Protein backbone atom coordinates (compact mmCIF):
# COMPACT_ATOMS: atom_id res chain seq x y z
CA MET A 1 -45.05 28.89 66.49
CA VAL A 2 -42.36 26.80 68.49
CA PHE A 3 -43.21 24.41 66.86
CA ALA A 4 -43.92 25.41 63.59
CA SER A 5 -40.08 26.51 63.72
CA ALA A 6 -38.97 23.59 64.95
CA ILE A 7 -40.56 21.94 62.09
CA ILE A 8 -39.13 24.25 59.49
CA ILE A 9 -35.38 23.99 61.13
CA VAL A 10 -35.58 20.14 61.21
CA MET A 11 -37.18 20.26 57.53
CA ASN A 12 -34.12 22.78 56.19
CA TYR A 13 -31.74 20.33 57.35
CA TYR A 14 -32.76 17.31 56.14
CA THR A 15 -33.86 18.88 52.86
CA ILE A 16 -30.51 20.19 52.52
CA ARG A 17 -28.60 17.04 53.29
CA ILE A 18 -30.34 15.06 51.11
CA LEU A 19 -29.72 17.94 48.26
CA SER A 20 -26.07 17.23 49.46
CA ALA A 21 -26.07 14.01 49.55
CA THR A 22 -27.59 13.86 46.08
CA ARG A 23 -24.89 15.96 44.59
CA SER A 24 -22.61 13.75 45.89
CA TYR A 25 -24.11 10.62 44.03
CA ILE A 26 -24.47 13.09 40.70
CA ASN A 27 -20.52 13.70 41.46
CA GLY A 28 -19.89 10.40 42.10
CA GLU A 29 -21.35 9.34 38.83
CA SER A 30 -18.96 11.43 36.76
CA GLN A 31 -15.91 9.36 38.53
CA TYR A 32 -17.58 6.20 37.39
CA SER A 33 -18.33 7.63 34.24
CA LYS A 34 -14.72 8.42 33.73
CA GLY A 35 -13.41 5.19 35.02
CA GLN A 36 -15.97 3.53 32.50
CA LYS A 37 -14.69 5.34 29.36
CA ASP A 38 -10.83 5.37 30.44
CA ALA A 39 -10.90 1.49 30.69
CA SER A 40 -12.94 0.93 27.65
CA ALA A 41 -10.54 2.54 25.89
CA TYR A 42 -7.61 1.24 27.27
CA LEU A 43 -9.01 -2.17 26.75
CA ILE A 44 -9.17 -1.39 22.70
CA ASN A 45 -5.98 -0.28 22.99
CA TYR A 46 -4.68 -3.74 24.96
CA ILE A 47 -6.43 -5.65 22.31
CA TYR A 48 -5.08 -3.66 19.81
CA LEU A 49 -1.30 -3.69 20.58
CA GLU A 50 -1.22 -6.30 23.43
CA ASN A 51 0.89 -3.64 25.86
CA GLU A 52 0.75 -5.08 29.21
CA ALA A 53 0.85 -1.58 30.61
CA ASP A 54 -2.82 -0.67 28.61
CA TYR A 55 -4.18 -4.07 30.58
CA ILE A 56 -2.95 -2.74 33.80
CA ALA A 57 -4.17 0.59 33.46
CA PHE A 58 -7.97 -1.00 31.95
CA LYS A 59 -7.94 -3.01 35.36
CA ARG A 60 -6.99 0.37 37.41
CA SER A 61 -9.64 2.25 35.64
CA ILE A 62 -12.49 -0.32 36.09
CA SER A 63 -11.77 -0.42 39.72
CA ILE A 64 -13.18 2.78 39.97
CA PRO A 65 -17.08 1.62 38.76
CA GLU A 66 -16.45 -2.00 40.80
CA GLY A 67 -15.80 0.57 43.76
CA ASP A 68 -19.17 1.51 43.66
CA HIS A 69 -20.93 -1.64 42.90
CA ILE A 70 -19.09 -2.71 45.89
CA ALA A 71 -20.84 -0.41 48.19
CA ARG A 72 -24.45 -0.50 46.30
CA ILE A 73 -24.22 -4.34 47.24
CA ALA A 74 -23.14 -3.88 51.11
CA LEU A 75 -25.42 -1.45 51.74
CA SER A 76 -28.53 -3.50 49.90
CA ALA A 77 -27.61 -6.27 52.32
CA GLY A 78 -28.79 -3.93 54.68
CA SER A 79 -27.58 -0.97 57.56
CA LEU A 80 -24.74 -3.55 59.67
CA PRO A 81 -21.97 -1.39 60.61
CA ASP A 82 -19.78 -4.33 59.00
CA ASN A 83 -21.91 -3.16 55.58
CA LYS A 84 -21.29 0.41 56.15
CA LYS A 85 -17.48 0.08 56.61
CA ILE A 86 -17.56 -2.12 53.69
CA ALA A 87 -19.95 0.31 51.54
CA ALA A 88 -17.36 3.16 52.80
CA ARG A 89 -14.49 1.20 51.12
CA GLY A 90 -16.26 0.65 47.71
CA PHE A 91 -16.77 4.55 47.71
CA LEU A 92 -13.23 5.50 48.19
CA GLN A 93 -12.30 2.94 45.80
CA GLY A 94 -15.11 4.35 43.46
CA LYS A 95 -12.94 7.76 43.90
CA ASN A 96 -15.72 9.57 45.57
CA HIS A 97 -14.19 12.34 48.36
CA PRO A 98 -13.81 11.23 52.09
CA GLU A 99 -16.12 13.98 53.11
CA ASP A 100 -19.03 12.64 51.17
CA ILE A 101 -19.02 8.88 52.47
CA ASP A 102 -21.06 9.59 55.31
CA ASP A 103 -23.92 11.30 52.96
CA LEU A 104 -23.94 9.04 50.43
CA ILE A 105 -23.97 6.02 52.73
CA TRP A 106 -26.90 8.26 54.44
CA LEU A 107 -29.02 8.88 52.00
CA PHE A 108 -28.80 5.10 50.37
CA SER A 109 -29.79 3.62 53.59
CA SER A 110 -32.58 5.89 54.85
CA PHE A 111 -34.52 6.04 51.06
CA GLN A 112 -33.67 3.01 49.30
CA HIS A 113 -37.23 1.70 49.53
CA LEU A 114 -38.73 5.08 48.05
CA SER A 115 -39.94 4.62 44.78
CA MET A 116 -37.94 7.25 43.36
CA LEU A 117 -34.65 5.82 44.80
CA GLU A 118 -35.80 2.96 43.64
CA LYS A 119 -35.50 3.80 40.67
CA VAL A 120 -31.98 5.47 40.49
CA ILE A 121 -30.68 2.44 41.99
CA GLY A 122 -31.93 0.24 39.50
CA ILE A 123 -30.75 1.76 36.46
CA TRP A 124 -27.33 1.69 38.77
CA LYS A 125 -27.57 -2.16 39.09
CA SER A 126 -28.28 -2.57 35.43
CA GLY A 127 -24.68 -0.23 34.79
CA ASP A 128 -23.17 -2.66 37.16
CA ASP A 129 -24.25 -5.43 34.90
CA GLY A 130 -22.44 -3.99 31.83
CA ILE A 131 -19.01 -3.43 33.79
CA ASN A 132 -19.08 -6.61 34.56
CA ASN A 133 -19.61 -7.53 31.64
CA LEU A 134 -16.91 -5.32 30.47
CA HIS A 135 -14.47 -7.11 32.77
CA GLN A 136 -15.43 -10.28 31.18
CA LEU A 137 -14.34 -9.33 27.94
CA GLY A 138 -11.23 -7.79 29.45
CA VAL A 139 -10.14 -11.22 31.06
CA LEU A 140 -11.38 -13.05 27.83
CA ALA A 141 -9.07 -11.08 26.30
CA ARG A 142 -6.37 -11.62 28.51
CA GLN A 143 -6.04 -15.02 28.26
CA LYS A 144 -6.41 -15.25 24.24
CA ILE A 145 -3.77 -12.69 24.17
CA THR A 146 -1.21 -14.12 26.46
CA ALA A 147 -2.24 -17.82 25.20
CA GLY A 148 -1.04 -16.06 21.70
CA LYS A 149 -4.30 -17.59 20.10
CA ILE A 150 -6.27 -14.53 19.22
CA SER A 151 -7.22 -13.80 15.79
CA ALA A 152 -7.68 -10.53 13.76
CA ASP A 153 -11.58 -11.45 13.52
CA GLU A 154 -11.71 -12.00 17.40
CA LYS A 155 -9.89 -8.51 18.29
CA LYS A 156 -12.49 -6.78 15.87
CA ALA A 157 -15.66 -8.49 17.35
CA LEU A 158 -14.28 -7.87 21.34
CA ILE A 159 -13.72 -3.98 20.24
CA LEU A 160 -17.33 -4.24 18.99
CA ALA A 161 -18.92 -5.67 22.22
CA ILE A 162 -16.55 -2.87 24.04
CA SER A 163 -17.78 -0.30 21.93
CA ASP A 164 -21.59 -1.48 22.54
CA ILE A 165 -21.29 -1.72 25.78
CA SER A 166 -19.91 1.67 26.56
CA ALA A 167 -22.51 3.14 24.51
CA ASP A 168 -24.91 1.74 26.62
CA LEU A 169 -23.16 2.69 29.73
CA THR A 170 -23.12 6.12 28.26
CA ILE A 171 -26.80 5.86 28.08
CA LYS A 172 -27.71 4.35 31.68
CA GLU A 173 -25.16 7.20 33.35
CA GLN A 174 -26.77 9.90 31.35
CA ALA A 175 -30.27 8.43 32.89
CA PHE A 176 -28.81 8.05 36.42
CA SER A 177 -27.97 11.71 36.76
CA ASP A 178 -31.36 12.70 34.82
CA SER A 179 -32.98 10.63 37.76
CA LEU A 180 -31.15 12.36 40.14
CA GLY A 181 -31.91 15.72 38.72
CA VAL A 182 -35.74 14.80 38.83
CA ILE A 183 -35.62 13.95 42.48
CA CYS A 184 -33.69 17.50 43.39
CA ARG A 185 -36.86 19.05 41.40
CA GLU A 186 -39.26 16.72 43.13
CA ILE A 187 -37.82 17.73 46.73
CA ASN A 188 -37.82 21.42 45.77
CA LEU A 189 -41.33 21.33 45.51
CA TYR A 190 -42.55 19.20 48.42
CA ILE A 191 -40.12 22.15 50.52
CA PHE A 192 -41.98 24.62 48.60
CA ILE A 193 -45.88 23.13 49.37
CA ALA A 194 -44.60 22.64 53.12
CA ASN A 195 -43.32 25.74 53.66
CA VAL A 196 -46.07 27.60 52.27
CA LEU A 197 -48.13 25.67 54.71
CA ILE A 198 -45.83 25.96 57.85
CA ILE A 199 -46.07 29.64 56.72
CA LEU A 200 -49.80 30.13 56.66
CA VAL A 201 -49.95 28.45 60.46
CA ILE A 202 -47.19 31.21 61.60
CA VAL A 203 -48.71 33.79 60.00
CA VAL A 204 -52.11 32.92 62.25
CA SER A 205 -50.09 32.87 65.14
CA SER A 206 -48.65 35.77 64.43
CA LEU A 207 -48.38 38.62 61.68
CA ALA A 208 -44.79 39.68 62.94
CA TYR A 209 -43.24 37.11 63.16
CA ALA A 210 -44.49 35.65 59.79
CA VAL A 211 -42.81 38.49 58.02
CA ILE A 212 -38.97 37.37 59.67
CA MET A 213 -40.04 33.98 58.92
CA ILE A 214 -41.35 34.20 54.91
CA THR A 215 -38.25 36.57 54.49
CA ASN A 216 -35.98 33.76 55.65
CA LEU A 217 -37.24 30.84 54.19
CA ALA A 218 -37.60 32.54 50.99
CA ASN A 219 -33.84 33.30 51.35
CA SER A 220 -33.21 29.51 51.91
CA LYS A 221 -34.97 28.09 49.09
CA LYS A 222 -33.79 30.71 46.55
CA LYS A 223 -30.03 29.28 47.94
CA ILE A 224 -31.00 25.90 47.70
CA VAL A 225 -32.32 26.78 44.25
CA GLU A 226 -29.32 28.20 43.33
CA GLN A 227 -27.08 25.31 44.63
CA ASN A 228 -29.44 22.88 42.55
CA ASP A 229 -29.19 24.55 39.60
CA SER A 230 -25.18 25.37 39.76
CA LEU A 231 -24.87 21.95 40.37
CA GLN A 232 -26.85 20.46 37.72
CA ALA A 233 -24.90 22.77 35.50
CA ILE A 234 -21.55 21.86 36.33
CA ASN A 235 -23.11 18.24 35.58
CA ALA A 236 -24.07 18.79 32.26
CA GLY A 237 -20.80 20.84 31.10
CA LEU A 238 -18.49 18.24 32.57
CA ASP A 239 -20.83 15.27 30.50
CA LYS A 240 -20.87 17.81 27.47
CA PHE A 241 -16.98 18.24 27.79
CA VAL A 242 -16.59 14.57 28.11
CA PHE A 243 -18.58 13.44 25.14
CA ASN A 244 -16.58 16.13 22.87
CA LEU A 245 -13.13 14.87 24.16
CA THR A 246 -14.42 11.10 24.16
CA HIS A 247 -15.74 11.63 20.30
CA ASP A 248 -13.13 13.72 19.01
CA LEU A 249 -10.19 11.28 20.34
CA ARG A 250 -11.85 8.76 18.48
CA SER A 251 -11.45 10.22 14.88
CA PRO A 252 -7.24 10.04 14.90
CA LEU A 253 -7.45 6.70 16.27
CA VAL A 254 -9.51 5.18 13.29
CA SER A 255 -7.16 6.81 10.87
CA LEU A 256 -4.04 5.30 12.41
CA VAL A 257 -5.63 2.07 12.51
CA GLY A 258 -6.29 2.91 8.71
CA LEU A 259 -2.73 3.25 8.03
CA ILE A 260 -1.80 0.43 10.63
CA ASP A 261 -3.66 -1.75 7.86
CA VAL A 262 -2.04 -0.27 4.92
CA ILE A 263 1.77 -0.67 6.24
CA VAL A 264 0.91 -4.27 7.08
CA GLU A 265 -0.06 -4.97 3.19
CA GLU A 266 3.24 -2.59 1.92
CA THR A 267 6.21 -4.07 0.85
CA ASP A 268 8.24 -0.87 0.09
CA VAL A 269 10.25 0.20 2.50
CA GLU A 270 10.50 4.21 1.85
CA GLN A 271 6.42 3.43 1.75
CA ILE A 272 6.61 2.24 4.97
CA LYS A 273 8.44 5.15 6.02
CA THR A 274 6.11 7.61 4.34
CA TYR A 275 3.68 5.90 6.28
CA THR A 276 5.06 5.80 10.06
CA LEU A 277 5.52 9.59 9.53
CA LEU A 278 1.84 10.33 8.52
CA MET A 279 1.27 8.33 11.56
CA LYS A 280 3.01 10.75 13.56
CA ASP A 281 2.42 13.92 12.43
CA SER A 282 -1.31 12.29 12.99
CA LEU A 283 -0.16 11.73 17.19
CA VAL A 284 1.76 15.16 17.56
CA LYS A 285 -1.58 17.08 16.40
CA GLN A 286 -3.77 15.05 18.75
CA ASP A 287 -1.26 15.77 21.32
CA LEU A 288 -1.55 19.34 20.31
CA PHE A 289 -5.40 19.33 20.42
CA ILE A 290 -4.50 17.01 23.94
CA ASN A 291 -2.80 20.15 25.62
CA GLU A 292 -5.25 22.67 24.35
CA MET A 293 -8.10 20.51 25.85
CA MET A 294 -6.54 20.48 28.96
CA ALA A 295 -5.95 24.56 28.88
CA PHE A 296 -9.42 25.00 27.52
CA ILE A 297 -9.98 22.88 31.28
CA LYS A 298 -7.90 24.99 33.07
CA SER A 299 -9.52 28.63 31.95
CA LYS A 300 -12.81 27.40 33.38
CA ASP A 301 -14.46 28.71 30.84
CA LEU A 302 -16.92 26.60 28.69
CA GLY A 303 -17.59 30.17 27.31
CA PHE A 304 -17.01 30.96 23.63
CA ILE A 305 -13.59 32.03 22.87
CA LYS A 306 -13.20 34.71 20.15
CA LYS A 307 -9.81 35.17 18.85
CA GLU A 308 -8.30 35.53 15.18
CA CYS A 309 -7.57 31.94 13.78
CA SER A 310 -6.49 30.20 10.17
CA LEU A 311 -9.75 28.01 9.08
CA ALA A 312 -7.01 26.57 6.45
CA VAL A 313 -5.28 25.24 9.94
CA ILE A 314 -7.64 23.98 11.60
CA VAL A 315 -8.76 21.93 7.93
CA ASP A 316 -5.90 20.70 7.17
CA ASN A 317 -5.26 19.11 10.94
CA VAL A 318 -8.57 17.29 10.47
CA ILE A 319 -7.77 15.77 6.97
CA THR A 320 -4.65 14.94 8.84
CA GLN A 321 -6.53 13.15 11.52
CA ASN A 322 -8.99 11.74 9.00
CA HIS A 323 -7.09 10.58 6.24
CA TYR A 324 -8.07 6.83 6.43
CA ARG A 325 -10.59 4.26 6.80
CA ASN A 326 -10.26 1.68 8.98
CA ASP A 327 -10.18 -1.06 5.99
CA GLY A 328 -7.12 1.16 5.00
CA LYS A 329 -8.70 2.55 1.83
CA LYS A 330 -7.29 6.40 1.18
CA ILE A 331 -10.00 8.90 1.30
CA GLN A 332 -9.82 11.81 -1.78
CA PHE A 333 -10.17 15.05 0.00
CA TYR A 334 -11.12 18.51 -1.65
CA LYS A 335 -10.26 21.81 -0.16
CA GLU A 336 -11.65 25.08 -1.64
CA VAL A 337 -10.37 27.59 1.31
CA GLU A 338 -11.44 30.58 -0.30
CA LEU A 339 -12.05 32.57 3.73
CA ASN A 340 -8.82 31.75 5.75
CA ASN A 341 -8.47 33.85 8.38
CA ILE A 342 -11.36 34.92 10.96
CA ASP A 343 -12.43 35.64 14.60
CA GLY A 344 -13.67 32.72 15.77
CA ASP A 345 -12.95 29.70 18.60
CA ALA A 346 -10.60 27.53 16.89
CA LEU A 347 -10.83 24.71 19.35
CA LYS A 348 -14.74 24.69 18.66
CA LEU A 349 -14.34 24.90 14.76
CA GLN A 350 -12.24 21.80 15.03
CA VAL A 351 -14.19 19.88 17.05
CA VAL A 352 -17.27 20.80 14.56
CA LEU A 353 -15.06 19.83 11.18
CA ASN A 354 -13.31 16.78 12.94
CA ASN A 355 -16.86 15.44 13.86
CA LEU A 356 -18.20 16.16 10.33
CA VAL A 357 -15.63 14.53 8.35
CA SER A 358 -15.29 11.25 10.73
CA ASN A 359 -18.84 11.14 9.85
CA SER A 360 -18.62 11.63 6.16
CA ILE A 361 -15.46 8.97 6.28
CA LYS A 362 -17.20 6.28 8.63
CA TYR A 363 -20.34 6.51 5.96
CA SER A 364 -18.92 6.67 2.62
CA ASP A 365 -20.34 3.90 0.34
CA ALA A 366 -17.44 1.53 -0.37
CA LYS A 367 -19.91 0.58 -3.07
CA LYS A 368 -18.60 3.43 -5.28
CA GLU A 369 -15.40 3.61 -7.22
CA SER A 370 -14.44 6.28 -5.12
CA GLN A 371 -15.02 7.82 -1.94
CA TRP A 372 -14.30 11.31 -1.43
CA VAL A 373 -15.15 14.45 0.95
CA LYS A 374 -14.95 18.09 0.22
CA VAL A 375 -14.30 20.96 2.61
CA LYS A 376 -15.23 24.88 1.59
CA THR A 377 -14.92 27.75 2.92
CA TYR A 378 -16.12 30.96 1.79
CA GLN A 379 -17.94 34.36 2.49
CA LEU A 380 -21.46 34.86 2.20
CA LYS A 381 -22.57 38.62 3.28
CA ASN A 382 -21.85 38.75 6.84
CA ASP A 383 -21.27 35.06 7.67
CA ALA A 384 -18.08 32.51 7.40
CA VAL A 385 -19.81 29.64 5.67
CA ILE A 386 -18.27 26.09 6.06
CA GLU A 387 -19.29 23.23 3.87
CA VAL A 388 -18.65 19.79 4.78
CA GLU A 389 -19.94 17.90 1.34
CA ASP A 390 -19.33 13.28 0.47
CA ASN A 391 -20.98 11.00 -1.51
CA GLY A 392 -21.45 8.79 0.84
CA LEU A 393 -24.74 6.60 1.97
CA GLY A 394 -26.82 9.78 2.55
CA ILE A 395 -29.47 10.70 5.06
CA ARG A 396 -32.98 9.66 5.05
CA GLN A 397 -35.45 12.50 4.59
CA LYS A 398 -37.28 12.02 7.48
CA ASP A 399 -34.28 11.58 9.42
CA GLN A 400 -32.51 14.95 8.76
CA GLU A 401 -34.74 16.78 10.98
CA ARG A 402 -33.31 14.72 13.92
CA ILE A 403 -30.34 13.57 13.65
CA PHE A 404 -28.57 16.79 15.68
CA ASP A 405 -30.45 15.45 18.71
CA LYS A 406 -29.23 13.68 21.55
CA PHE A 407 -28.63 10.11 21.27
CA TYR A 408 -30.80 9.67 17.82
CA LEU A 409 -29.44 7.14 15.79
CA SER A 410 -31.02 6.55 12.11
CA GLY A 411 -32.41 3.40 10.74
CA ASN A 412 -30.80 0.58 12.36
CA ASN A 413 -27.15 2.64 12.86
CA LYS A 414 -24.95 0.27 14.77
CA ARG A 415 -21.83 2.67 14.04
CA SER A 416 -22.73 5.72 15.63
CA SER A 417 -23.21 6.96 19.89
CA GLY A 418 -25.68 9.62 18.59
CA ILE A 419 -23.36 11.98 20.10
CA GLY A 420 -21.57 13.89 17.94
CA LEU A 421 -23.62 15.84 15.43
CA TYR A 422 -25.75 16.97 18.80
CA LEU A 423 -22.07 18.45 19.62
CA VAL A 424 -21.89 19.95 16.39
CA LYS A 425 -25.40 21.16 17.04
CA ASP A 426 -24.05 22.57 20.74
CA ALA A 427 -20.56 23.96 19.47
CA VAL A 428 -22.35 26.03 16.40
CA THR A 429 -25.05 27.26 18.35
CA GLN A 430 -22.37 28.84 20.86
CA MET A 431 -20.90 30.65 18.49
CA SER A 432 -24.25 32.08 17.31
CA GLY A 433 -24.12 30.47 14.10
CA ARG A 434 -26.60 27.94 12.47
CA ILE A 435 -26.11 24.43 10.74
CA GLU A 436 -28.22 23.08 7.67
CA VAL A 437 -27.99 19.46 6.15
CA ASN A 438 -29.03 18.74 2.59
CA SER A 439 -29.12 14.80 1.37
CA GLU A 440 -30.47 12.50 -0.70
CA LEU A 441 -29.84 8.66 0.31
CA GLY A 442 -27.16 6.91 -1.56
CA LEU A 443 -25.90 9.80 -3.21
CA TYR A 444 -24.76 12.79 -1.24
CA SER A 445 -24.41 14.49 2.45
CA LYS A 446 -23.96 18.18 2.09
CA PHE A 447 -23.52 20.00 5.70
CA ILE A 448 -23.66 24.09 5.92
CA ILE A 449 -22.42 26.00 8.79
CA SER A 450 -23.03 29.95 8.76
CA ILE A 451 -21.13 31.99 11.67
CA PRO A 452 -21.23 35.61 12.03
CA ILE A 453 -18.18 37.60 11.16
């Protein structure tokens, strides 16, 4: 009994430490992902605006995932004290919590050759290659801009390369977290099996003692499972929030680029002032959106916030943020707001409409003489109905059932991350609603959202 008890104590100690270390890596991945996305955004801004502050911010942000790269290289070189010191400095540079450093080093050093962890480290290494490519693009952009020898086409090519790298890294970051989640679940399975075997030994030795041990082990296992599930839920919520924020911040930027393209070709000073005021109005609305998102975070409530909101205001905000295409061509908007005030989540409704309208613009058909987007709201029985229709490229029939899947890309689509419509479906579901799509290739696309009033 004493030997079996000792085994259980040691086993649970290492199980908890492994889960704690895995949690630390999951939290570290969030910092890695944020640093990478911020670096990509700052680098794009630097290429567009050639602002020195943006390049400094890019260097600062990319140093976060580069710190984790330094730690991985040091630990892969061996468990010598000097390597561990280098790894500790790298993890701190990667914004990992100082109290998590020992567990991060211990898990890597102790289990790096196990197949499960080898897979995770392989994903990490592949992600570091992408970070290095992003860094090299930053250096190249810096050299060209400093020398004053960068053309508009070169800027576009650099930005496209940055977007491709960022999209690829997002997939790898998700795979990294998912693989760690698999490890946690497998550890739970192994500990469960081991516990059952040891409990059988204890039962044979002493039935009374077995009852006590079974109770303690059950409680311990329950706490471990609850902690693990809680950590995974928190990480999934953070990923979802980051995807939402990143996706919705891009739409007004695309619109601003379109306005800039118009201003470049415009010679009428008064018209330029008008476009400038439109740009300012878009930025003010985006600042308000960011403040609302910050308030949303501070409330620590990622659920459905239901209060009276104006669909007309939300529609106007979204149209203002998405008024121009990348090439500066104006999109014709039509509004039919028959239903205005409803009890709903204004932030989620704006996320939904912003995604759908920006997609309509992104996939407009340049071959058509005019491109338009129609937003319509009305009440049908006990539902508030919102329709977003366009005369764009349309969606193939075989893709319509899967476009709401996470990371799904139809055909040879290179302009999407595969996350926008997934976020739309998730937000509508959280509001207890449903979404449908009707489309014919080359003719039109219509998204119909129904939300209970």
